[in-house]
């Protein structure tokens, strides 16, 4: 009888060790997954962006400024910017980066990043847009000393220049005159 109890004790200990091992494995995998989650947001941008500069080759740079929580285009012309389009531009900062590479030793032309054709700066933190990766349907973006592969939806907006940030005009209601 004592040998059966010892056998059960060893089986229970072995099962406990397996369960603890699985728990430890799951806990470390969650931590690892958190480390690989990267976005284009940079702490040097700060919690509140005050200035955004968009460069699109062949167009004047667009400068947006936050004045008392109202975004205004101040260059090349001045007007209050459409807040939904400004919000859309800021989605770039929260896009997940599938991967990132150190710039050192990389041929920037391969990624379409040898020249600044399209870029945006948030509080001076510059992000240069490169080629679209045809396989992943994601864009290469250079920020600092890293190249990121990101699914983005703002490049079309940026390429349109200042006009893209003009508020949509609401059609005026025409008063219908009733025949008398």
C-alpha atoms as a PDB file:
ATOM      1  CA  UNK A   1       0.000   0.000   0.000  1.00  0.00           C
ATOM      2  CA  UNK A   2       2.836   2.371   0.821  1.00  0.00           C
ATOM      3  CA  UNK A   3       4.386   1.814  -2.606  1.00  0.00           C
ATOM      4  CA  UNK A   4       1.096   2.769  -4.313  1.00  0.00           C
ATOM      5  CA  UNK A   5       0.910   5.982  -2.271  1.00  0.00           C
ATOM      6  CA  UNK A   6       4.506   6.786  -3.254  1.00  0.00           C
ATOM      7  CA  UNK A   7       3.641   6.107  -6.884  1.00  0.00           C
ATOM      8  CA  UNK A   8       0.616   8.455  -6.724  1.00  0.00           C
ATOM      9  CA  UNK A   9       2.698  11.101  -4.949  1.00  0.00           C
ATOM     10  CA  UNK A  10       5.326  10.967  -7.710  1.00  0.00           C
ATOM     11  CA  UNK A  11       2.613  11.107 -10.393  1.00  0.00           C
ATOM     12  CA  UNK A  12       0.991  14.108  -8.703  1.00  0.00           C
ATOM     13  CA  UNK A  13       4.372  15.838  -8.356  1.00  0.00           C
ATOM     14  CA  UNK A  14       5.147  15.138 -12.013  1.00  0.00           C
ATOM     15  CA  UNK A  15       1.755  16.555 -13.054  1.00  0.00           C
ATOM     16  CA  UNK A  16       2.312  19.597 -10.825  1.00  0.00           C
ATOM     17  CA  UNK A  17       5.708  20.201 -12.424  1.00  0.00           C
ATOM     18  CA  UNK A  18       4.189  19.904 -15.915  1.00  0.00           C
ATOM     19  CA  UNK A  19       1.378  22.335 -15.037  1.00  0.00           C
ATOM     20  CA  UNK A  20       3.819  24.833 -13.494  1.00  0.00           C
ATOM     21  CA  UNK A  21       6.029  24.519 -16.570  1.00  0.00           C
ATOM     22  CA  UNK A  22       3.062  25.248 -18.858  1.00  0.00           C
ATOM     23  CA  UNK A  23       2.028  28.243 -16.755  1.00  0.00           C
ATOM     24  CA  UNK A  24       5.592  29.601 -16.876  1.00  0.00           C
ATOM     25  CA  UNK A  25       5.716  29.036 -20.649  1.00  0.00           C
ATOM     26  CA  UNK A  26       2.430  30.880 -21.218  1.00  0.00           C
ATOM     27  CA  UNK A  27       3.476  33.772 -18.969  1.00  0.00           C
ATOM     28  CA  UNK A  28       6.822  34.262 -20.736  1.00  0.00           C
ATOM     29  CA  UNK A  29       5.210  34.036 -24.192  1.00  0.00           C
ATOM     30  CA  UNK A  30       2.825  36.876 -23.309  1.00  0.00           C
ATOM     31  CA  UNK A  31       5.748  39.005 -22.169  1.00  0.00           C
ATOM     32  CA  UNK A  32       7.673  38.240 -25.364  1.00  0.00           C
ATOM     33  CA  UNK A  33       4.664  39.164 -27.498  1.00  0.00           C
ATOM     34  CA  UNK A  34       4.462  42.512 -25.717  1.00  0.00           C
ATOM     35  CA  UNK A  35       8.083  43.259 -26.495  1.00  0.00           C
ATOM     36  CA  UNK A  36       7.633  42.722 -30.232  1.00  0.00           C
ATOM     37  CA  UNK A  37       4.572  45.000 -30.402  1.00  0.00           C
ATOM     38  CA  UNK A  38       5.942  48.183 -31.951  1.00  0.00           C
ATOM     39  CA  UNK A  39       4.312  51.311 -33.244  1.00  0.00           C
ATOM     40  CA  UNK A  40       5.726  54.450 -34.832  1.00  0.00           C
ATOM     41  CA  UNK A  41       4.901  56.505 -31.743  1.00  0.00           C
ATOM     42  CA  UNK A  42       8.017  57.902 -30.112  1.00  0.00           C
ATOM     43  CA  UNK A  43       8.163  59.314 -26.581  1.00  0.00           C
ATOM     44  CA  UNK A  44      10.074  62.328 -27.920  1.00  0.00           C
ATOM     45  CA  UNK A  45       6.860  63.334 -29.731  1.00  0.00           C
ATOM     46  CA  UNK A  46       5.289  63.797 -26.308  1.00  0.00           C
ATOM     47  CA  UNK A  47       1.717  63.360 -25.191  1.00  0.00           C
ATOM     48  CA  UNK A  48       0.466  66.352 -27.166  1.00  0.00           C
ATOM     49  CA  UNK A  49       1.746  67.114 -30.614  1.00  0.00           C
ATOM     50  CA  UNK A  50       1.902  70.823 -31.308  1.00  0.00           C
ATOM     51  CA  UNK A  51       3.293  70.840 -34.859  1.00  0.00           C
ATOM     52  CA  UNK A  52       3.106  68.547 -37.857  1.00  0.00           C
ATOM     53  CA  UNK A  53       5.127  69.112 -41.041  1.00  0.00           C
ATOM     54  CA  UNK A  54       4.290  67.152 -44.199  1.00  0.00           C
ATOM     55  CA  UNK A  55       6.755  67.034 -47.075  1.00  0.00           C
ATOM     56  CA  UNK A  56       5.559  65.753 -50.450  1.00  0.00           C
ATOM     57  CA  UNK A  57       7.982  66.012 -53.368  1.00  0.00           C
ATOM     58  CA  UNK A  58       6.884  68.642 -55.890  1.00  0.00           C
ATOM     59  CA  UNK A  59       4.596  70.459 -53.428  1.00  0.00           C
ATOM     60  CA  UNK A  60       5.099  73.103 -50.771  1.00  0.00           C
ATOM     61  CA  UNK A  61       5.501  71.671 -47.281  1.00  0.00           C
ATOM     62  CA  UNK A  62       2.314  71.685 -45.243  1.00  0.00           C
ATOM     63  CA  UNK A  63       2.634  72.908 -41.656  1.00  0.00           C
ATOM     64  CA  UNK A  64      -0.151  72.210 -39.187  1.00  0.00           C
ATOM     65  CA  UNK A  65      -0.148  73.804 -35.735  1.00  0.00           C
ATOM     66  CA  UNK A  66      -2.246  73.018 -32.701  1.00  0.00           C
ATOM     67  CA  UNK A  67      -3.505  76.281 -31.218  1.00  0.00           C
ATOM     68  CA  UNK A  68      -5.748  75.841 -28.163  1.00  0.00           C
ATOM     69  CA  UNK A  69      -6.813  72.359 -29.313  1.00  0.00           C
ATOM     70  CA  UNK A  70      -7.690  73.623 -32.788  1.00  0.00           C
ATOM     71  CA  UNK A  71      -5.526  72.361 -35.633  1.00  0.00           C
ATOM     72  CA  UNK A  72      -4.729  74.968 -38.253  1.00  0.00           C
ATOM     73  CA  UNK A  73      -2.849  74.752 -41.516  1.00  0.00           C
ATOM     74  CA  UNK A  74      -0.441  77.706 -41.330  1.00  0.00           C
ATOM     75  CA  UNK A  75       1.622  77.005 -44.477  1.00  0.00           C
ATOM     76  CA  UNK A  76       1.353  77.297 -47.461  1.00  0.00           C
ATOM     77  CA  UNK A  77      -1.993  78.969 -46.733  1.00  0.00           C
ATOM     78  CA  UNK A  78      -3.893  79.540 -43.496  1.00  0.00           C
ATOM     79  CA  UNK A  79      -7.169  77.910 -42.500  1.00  0.00           C
ATOM     80  CA  UNK A  80      -8.674  75.755 -39.759  1.00  0.00           C
ATOM     81  CA  UNK A  81      -7.990  72.120 -40.621  1.00  0.00           C
ATOM     82  CA  UNK A  82     -10.664  69.439 -40.848  1.00  0.00           C
ATOM     83  CA  UNK A  83     -10.351  67.692 -37.473  1.00  0.00           C
ATOM     84  CA  UNK A  84     -11.286  64.279 -38.897  1.00  0.00           C
ATOM     85  CA  UNK A  85      -8.485  64.447 -41.441  1.00  0.00           C
ATOM     86  CA  UNK A  86      -6.010  65.491 -38.743  1.00  0.00           C
ATOM     87  CA  UNK A  87      -7.191  62.559 -36.603  1.00  0.00           C
ATOM     88  CA  UNK A  88      -6.711  60.265 -39.584  1.00  0.00           C
ATOM     89  CA  UNK A  89      -3.143  61.526 -40.005  1.00  0.00           C
ATOM     90  CA  UNK A  90      -2.410  60.731 -36.351  1.00  0.00           C
ATOM     91  CA  UNK A  91      -3.492  57.092 -36.838  1.00  0.00           C
ATOM     92  CA  UNK A  92      -0.024  56.588 -38.317  1.00  0.00           C
ATOM     93  CA  UNK A  93       1.458  56.773 -34.820  1.00  0.00           C
ATOM     94  CA  UNK A  94      -0.578  53.816 -33.580  1.00  0.00           C
ATOM     95  CA  UNK A  95      -0.139  51.493 -36.560  1.00  0.00           C
ATOM     96  CA  UNK A  96       1.474  48.170 -35.671  1.00  0.00           C
ATOM     97  CA  UNK A  97       4.902  47.665 -37.183  1.00  0.00           C
ATOM     98  CA  UNK A  98       5.208  44.091 -38.428  1.00  0.00           C
ATOM     99  CA  UNK A  99       8.979  44.259 -38.326  1.00  0.00           C
ATOM    100  CA  UNK A 100      11.834  46.676 -37.946  1.00  0.00           C
ATOM    101  CA  UNK A 101      15.403  46.684 -39.189  1.00  0.00           C
ATOM    102  CA  UNK A 102      18.482  48.655 -38.212  1.00  0.00           C
ATOM    103  CA  UNK A 103      19.509  51.056 -40.984  1.00  0.00           C
ATOM    104  CA  UNK A 104      23.194  50.212 -40.571  1.00  0.00           C
ATOM    105  CA  UNK A 105      24.426  48.267 -43.586  1.00  0.00           C
ATOM    106  CA  UNK A 106      21.106  48.460 -45.455  1.00  0.00           C
ATOM    107  CA  UNK A 107      20.748  49.747 -49.012  1.00  0.00           C
ATOM    108  CA  UNK A 108      18.103  52.457 -48.532  1.00  0.00           C
ATOM    109  CA  UNK A 109      17.331  52.508 -52.281  1.00  0.00           C
ATOM    110  CA  UNK A 110      16.048  48.935 -51.976  1.00  0.00           C
ATOM    111  CA  UNK A 111      13.322  50.249 -49.654  1.00  0.00           C
ATOM    112  CA  UNK A 112      12.687  53.486 -51.588  1.00  0.00           C
ATOM    113  CA  UNK A 113      14.211  55.495 -48.752  1.00  0.00           C
ATOM    114  CA  UNK A 114      17.321  56.929 -50.421  1.00  0.00           C
ATOM    115  CA  UNK A 115      15.520  60.237 -50.986  1.00  0.00           C
ATOM    116  CA  UNK A 116      12.861  62.109 -48.997  1.00  0.00           C
ATOM    117  CA  UNK A 117       9.907  61.963 -51.418  1.00  0.00           C
ATOM    118  CA  UNK A 118       7.197  61.837 -48.765  1.00  0.00           C
ATOM    119  CA  UNK A 119       7.604  62.416 -45.038  1.00  0.00           C
ATOM    120  CA  UNK A 120       5.829  63.662 -41.949  1.00  0.00           C
ATOM    121  CA  UNK A 121       7.252  65.087 -38.732  1.00  0.00           C
ATOM    122  CA  UNK A 122       5.350  65.105 -35.453  1.00  0.00           C
ATOM    123  CA  UNK A 123       6.982  67.616 -33.067  1.00  0.00           C
ATOM    124  CA  UNK A 124      10.209  67.191 -35.021  1.00  0.00           C
ATOM    125  CA  UNK A 125      10.209  63.359 -35.099  1.00  0.00           C
ATOM    126  CA  UNK A 126      10.504  62.609 -38.815  1.00  0.00           C
ATOM    127  CA  UNK A 127       9.113  59.560 -40.620  1.00  0.00           C
ATOM    128  CA  UNK A 128      10.075  59.076 -44.265  1.00  0.00           C
ATOM    129  CA  UNK A 129       7.838  56.924 -46.472  1.00  0.00           C
ATOM    130  CA  UNK A 130       9.426  54.422 -48.825  1.00  0.00           C
ATOM    131  CA  UNK A 131       8.229  51.745 -51.230  1.00  0.00           C
ATOM    132  CA  UNK A 132       5.192  49.572 -50.773  1.00  0.00           C
ATOM    133  CA  UNK A 133       6.161  45.960 -50.091  1.00  0.00           C
ATOM    134  CA  UNK A 134       4.133  44.178 -52.780  1.00  0.00           C
ATOM    135  CA  UNK A 135       4.037  40.853 -50.936  1.00  0.00           C
ATOM    136  CA  UNK A 136       2.893  42.178 -47.552  1.00  0.00           C
ATOM    137  CA  UNK A 137       1.016  45.208 -48.964  1.00  0.00           C
ATOM    138  CA  UNK A 138       2.734  47.320 -46.309  1.00  0.00           C
ATOM    139  CA  UNK A 139       4.999  50.353 -46.559  1.00  0.00           C
ATOM    140  CA  UNK A 140       8.603  50.805 -45.506  1.00  0.00           C
ATOM    141  CA  UNK A 141       8.992  53.806 -43.192  1.00  0.00           C
ATOM    142  CA  UNK A 142      12.296  55.209 -41.969  1.00  0.00           C
ATOM    143  CA  UNK A 143      12.290  56.691 -38.476  1.00  0.00           C
ATOM    144  CA  UNK A 144      15.588  57.501 -36.849  1.00  0.00           C
ATOM    145  CA  UNK A 145      17.954  54.567 -37.303  1.00  0.00           C
ATOM    146  CA  UNK A 146      15.229  51.983 -38.004  1.00  0.00           C
ATOM    147  CA  UNK A 147      13.192  50.898 -41.008  1.00  0.00           C
ATOM    148  CA  UNK A 148       9.669  49.753 -40.149  1.00  0.00           C
ATOM    149  CA  UNK A 149       7.186  47.756 -42.209  1.00  0.00           C
ATOM    150  CA  UNK A 150       3.752  49.267 -41.533  1.00  0.00           C
ATOM    151  CA  UNK A 151       0.226  49.052 -42.900  1.00  0.00           C
ATOM    152  CA  UNK A 152      -0.640  52.714 -43.339  1.00  0.00           C
ATOM    153  CA  UNK A 153      -3.521  54.637 -44.844  1.00  0.00           C
ATOM    154  CA  UNK A 154      -2.259  58.227 -44.656  1.00  0.00           C
ATOM    155  CA  UNK A 155       0.168  58.542 -47.584  1.00  0.00           C
ATOM    156  CA  UNK A 156      -2.628  59.436 -50.031  1.00  0.00           C
ATOM    157  CA  UNK A 157      -3.834  62.195 -47.719  1.00  0.00           C
ATOM    158  CA  UNK A 158      -0.301  63.547 -47.342  1.00  0.00           C
ATOM    159  CA  UNK A 159       0.382  63.534 -51.083  1.00  0.00           C
ATOM    160  CA  UNK A 160      -2.629  65.804 -51.690  1.00  0.00           C
ATOM    161  CA  UNK A 161      -0.989  68.706 -49.863  1.00  0.00           C
ATOM    162  CA  UNK A 162      -2.771  71.419 -47.878  1.00  0.00           C
ATOM    163  CA  UNK A 163      -5.994  71.018 -49.874  1.00  0.00           C
ATOM    164  CA  UNK A 164      -6.528  67.627 -48.250  1.00  0.00           C
ATOM    165  CA  UNK A 165      -7.019  69.270 -44.852  1.00  0.00           C
ATOM    166  CA  UNK A 166      -9.650  71.793 -45.948  1.00  0.00           C
ATOM    167  CA  UNK A 167     -12.969  71.175 -44.224  1.00  0.00           C
ATOM    168  CA  UNK A 168     -15.730  69.686 -46.322  1.00  0.00           C
ATOM    169  CA  UNK A 169     -18.217  72.326 -47.307  1.00  0.00           C
ATOM    170  CA  UNK A 170     -21.706  71.517 -46.236  1.00  0.00           C
ATOM    171  CA  UNK A 171     -24.256  72.197 -48.955  1.00  0.00           C
ATOM    172  CA  UNK A 172     -26.429  75.147 -48.121  1.00  0.00           C
ATOM    173  CA  UNK A 173     -30.077  74.463 -47.825  1.00  0.00           C
ATOM    174  CA  UNK A 174     -31.923  76.345 -50.492  1.00  0.00           C
ATOM    175  CA  UNK A 175     -35.111  77.807 -49.254  1.00  0.00           C
ATOM    176  CA  UNK A 176     -37.900  76.764 -51.455  1.00  0.00           C
ATOM    177  CA  UNK A 177     -40.390  79.471 -52.199  1.00  0.00           C
ATOM    178  CA  UNK A 178     -43.958  78.375 -52.324  1.00  0.00           C
ATOM    179  CA  UNK A 179     -46.028  79.665 -55.180  1.00  0.00           C
ATOM    180  CA  UNK A 180     -48.597  82.185 -54.009  1.00  0.00           C
END
